């Protein structure tokens, strides 16, 4: 299997973009409790592996701006 660097880069950019959007959505909807709600969502069993990656990045963004 050959790794395609362009595909990896596009996937990374998509992950970053979705994490930023998720963090902004959580801030708008929950305000100061956004970090707590993101951690609750991460604990749910029905979150996909991609969703977990997005939420982990969003939590990192929320922690860095808090």
Protein backbone atom coordinates (compact mmCIF):
# COMPACT_ATOMS: atom_id res chain seq x y z
CA UNK A 1 0.00 0.00 0.00
CA UNK A 2 1.43 3.34 -1.04
CA UNK A 3 0.84 6.42 1.07
CA UNK A 4 -0.38 9.39 -0.87
CA UNK A 5 0.90 12.59 0.82
CA UNK A 6 -1.72 14.76 -0.88
CA UNK A 7 -4.52 12.58 0.40
CA UNK A 8 -3.07 12.63 3.92
CA UNK A 9 -2.76 16.41 3.78
CA UNK A 10 -6.36 16.83 2.58
CA UNK A 11 -7.57 14.53 5.35
CA UNK A 12 -5.61 16.50 7.96
CA UNK A 13 -6.99 19.82 6.64
CA UNK A 14 -10.54 18.41 6.72
CA UNK A 15 -10.04 17.27 10.30
CA UNK A 16 -8.76 20.71 11.34
CA UNK A 17 -11.61 22.49 9.55
CA UNK A 18 -14.27 20.28 11.13
CA UNK A 19 -12.72 20.64 14.59
CA UNK A 20 -12.74 24.43 14.30
CA UNK A 21 -16.38 24.36 13.18
CA UNK A 22 -17.31 22.02 16.04
CA UNK A 23 -15.55 24.21 18.61
CA UNK A 24 -17.32 27.32 17.28
CA UNK A 25 -20.67 25.52 17.33
CA UNK A 26 -20.14 24.38 20.92
CA UNK A 27 -19.14 27.90 22.01
CA UNK A 28 -22.22 29.44 20.38
CA UNK A 29 -24.59 26.84 21.77
CA UNK A 30 -23.19 26.25 25.27
CA UNK A 31 -21.07 29.31 26.05
CA UNK A 32 -18.81 28.79 29.04
CA UNK A 33 -19.85 25.13 29.40
CA UNK A 34 -18.69 24.23 25.87
CA UNK A 35 -15.70 22.23 27.08
CA UNK A 36 -17.81 20.16 29.47
CA UNK A 37 -20.34 19.39 26.74
CA UNK A 38 -17.60 18.36 24.32
CA UNK A 39 -16.17 15.96 26.90
CA UNK A 40 -19.65 14.53 27.50
CA UNK A 41 -20.08 13.98 23.77
CA UNK A 42 -16.71 12.25 23.61
CA UNK A 43 -17.83 9.79 26.31
CA UNK A 44 -20.87 8.68 24.31
CA UNK A 45 -20.61 5.16 22.86
CA UNK A 46 -22.28 6.02 19.54
CA UNK A 47 -19.63 8.48 18.34
CA UNK A 48 -17.68 7.26 15.31
CA UNK A 49 -13.90 7.10 15.20
CA UNK A 50 -13.82 10.16 12.91
CA UNK A 51 -16.15 11.97 15.31
CA UNK A 52 -13.81 11.15 18.18
CA UNK A 53 -10.86 12.64 16.29
CA UNK A 54 -12.85 15.80 15.57
CA UNK A 55 -14.02 16.10 19.17
CA UNK A 56 -10.50 15.58 20.56
CA UNK A 57 -9.18 18.38 18.34
CA UNK A 58 -12.15 20.59 19.26
CA UNK A 59 -11.48 19.97 22.96
CA UNK A 60 -7.84 20.91 22.43
CA UNK A 61 -8.97 24.14 20.74
CA UNK A 62 -11.46 24.92 23.50
CA UNK A 63 -8.81 24.36 26.19
CA UNK A 64 -6.30 26.58 24.43
CA UNK A 65 -8.75 29.48 24.13
CA UNK A 66 -10.24 29.13 27.62
